[in-house]
Each structure stands twice: as structure tokens, then as C-alpha cells.
Protein backbone atom coordinates (compact mmCIF):
# COMPACT_ATOMS: atom_id res chain seq x y z
CA GLU A 1 0.00 0.00 0.00
CA VAL A 2 1.13 3.53 -0.81
CA VAL A 3 -0.07 6.42 1.34
CA LEU A 4 0.65 10.10 0.85
CA LEU A 5 0.31 12.45 3.80
CA GLY A 6 -0.25 15.96 2.52
CA PHE A 7 -2.36 19.08 2.34
CA TRP A 8 -4.53 19.83 -0.70
CA ALA A 9 -3.02 23.31 -1.29
CA SER A 10 0.62 22.34 -0.75
CA PRO A 11 2.80 22.71 -3.86
CA VAL A 12 5.30 20.16 -2.52
CA ALA A 13 2.53 17.61 -1.92
CA MET A 14 1.17 18.39 -5.42
CA ARG A 15 4.62 17.66 -6.85
CA VAL A 16 4.45 14.18 -5.33
CA LYS A 17 0.87 13.67 -6.56
CA ILE A 18 2.00 14.51 -10.10
CA ALA A 19 4.89 12.03 -9.88
CA LEU A 20 2.54 9.30 -8.64
CA ALA A 21 0.12 10.08 -11.47
CA GLU A 22 2.90 10.00 -14.08
CA LYS A 23 3.93 6.56 -12.83
CA GLU A 24 0.26 5.47 -12.61
CA ILE A 25 0.68 4.41 -8.98
CA ASP A 26 -2.45 3.83 -6.92
CA TYR A 27 -2.25 5.51 -3.53
CA VAL A 28 -4.33 6.74 -0.64
CA PHE A 29 -4.18 10.47 0.09
CA ARG A 30 -4.51 11.38 3.76
CA GLU A 31 -5.26 15.06 4.19
CA GLN A 32 -3.34 16.61 7.09
CA ASN A 33 -4.34 19.53 9.30
CA LEU A 34 -1.14 21.56 9.45
CA PHE A 35 -2.26 23.31 12.65
CA ASN A 36 -3.19 20.10 14.45
CA LYS A 37 -0.76 17.49 13.14
CA SER A 38 -1.88 13.88 13.22
CA SER A 39 -0.10 11.28 15.29
CA LEU A 40 0.63 9.43 12.03
CA LEU A 41 2.42 12.46 10.57
CA LEU A 42 4.42 12.99 13.77
CA GLU A 43 5.35 9.30 13.84
CA MET A 44 6.32 9.12 10.15
CA ASN A 45 8.28 12.40 10.09
CA PRO A 46 9.53 12.92 13.66
CA VAL A 47 12.43 15.16 12.59
CA TYR A 48 10.68 17.92 10.59
CA LYS A 49 7.06 17.04 11.45
CA ARG A 50 5.86 18.28 8.06
CA ILE A 51 4.36 17.13 4.79
CA PRO A 52 4.67 15.52 2.37
CA VAL A 53 5.39 12.03 3.58
CA LEU A 54 5.11 8.99 1.35
CA ILE A 55 4.50 5.74 3.22
CA HIS A 56 5.38 2.68 1.14
CA GLU A 57 5.04 -0.76 2.67
CA GLY A 58 4.89 0.88 6.10
CA LYS A 59 8.14 2.80 5.65
CA PRO A 60 8.15 6.63 5.50
CA ILE A 61 9.97 8.70 2.90
CA CYS A 62 10.11 12.45 3.64
CA GLU A 63 10.80 15.62 1.63
CA SER A 64 9.28 16.00 -1.83
CA LEU A 65 12.42 15.76 -3.99
CA ILE A 66 13.61 12.70 -2.08
CA ILE A 67 10.14 11.15 -2.44
CA ILE A 68 10.16 11.74 -6.20
CA GLN A 69 13.60 10.19 -6.54
CA TYR A 70 12.36 7.20 -4.52
CA ILE A 71 9.28 6.85 -6.73
CA ASP A 72 11.46 6.97 -9.85
CA GLU A 73 13.81 4.30 -8.50
CA VAL A 74 11.16 1.91 -7.14
CA TRP A 75 8.77 2.05 -10.11
CA LYS A 76 11.36 2.00 -12.91
CA HIS A 77 9.06 0.26 -15.40
CA LYS A 78 6.94 3.39 -15.95
CA ALA A 79 7.73 6.84 -17.39
CA PRO A 80 11.07 8.07 -15.99
CA LEU A 81 10.83 11.27 -13.97
CA PHE A 82 14.53 12.17 -14.20
CA PRO A 83 16.99 11.98 -17.11
CA SER A 84 19.07 8.80 -17.34
CA ASP A 85 22.31 10.75 -17.82
CA PRO A 86 23.89 11.42 -14.39
CA CYS A 87 24.93 14.96 -15.29
CA GLU A 88 21.50 15.87 -16.64
CA ARG A 89 19.89 14.25 -13.58
CA ALA A 90 22.13 16.36 -11.30
CA HIS A 91 21.11 19.51 -13.20
CA ALA A 92 17.43 18.61 -12.80
CA ARG A 93 17.95 18.19 -9.05
CA PHE A 94 19.82 21.49 -8.90
CA TRP A 95 16.99 23.43 -10.56
CA THR A 96 14.36 21.70 -8.46
CA ASP A 97 16.26 22.72 -5.32
CA TYR A 98 16.75 26.24 -6.69
CA VAL A 99 13.01 26.66 -7.29
CA ASP A 100 12.28 25.40 -3.77
CA GLU A 101 14.75 27.79 -2.18
CA HIS A 102 13.93 30.87 -4.25
């Protein structure tokens, strides 16, 4: 089972939703109240205590870019999300990080 903890208006959660859709992965979306965080969110992301969190086979993956990389590596048989060339892949990660930071 794949579960995504997120908030409907969160751009970082939307990024993960788009990646899951591109890979055609079935998942359960669990809406989170960001002002009253669920015990599941606090348990799955005890360090930052924030969304998004992808739970795959009971194991949490946190931070949107890391989640997308995980999705791309686990479900390799469907549309790649990152370039296959290591240099191009690094550039894609750089610009994703840049957009997040600026």
C-alpha cells in the first residue's frame, strides 16, 4: 500500500501527486491539518514534522524531492521522472532545489 500524507493546497505535496500520477501508482491520500498534526504524521516524520510524507510498505519517505527520486527508482518500469544521464539528472535536481529555495 502507498499512502501520501499531505495538504490539498501544498505545492510540494502536489509535486508528489503529479509524480505518482505519471507513474500510474495507486495511492491513498490522507489530508493533514497543518495546525493540528496527526499522530501518524508525527510518527512518520519525527524530525521535521511536516508534509509531504510517502509511506510505502509501512516505511516513510520524507521531503518531496527525495520522495520523487524514490518513486522513480522503485517504479522504474513506468515513465522516468529524471533523465538517465547522471549529469542531466544532477542539473534537474539542482533546478528543483533552486526553485524550492527561491
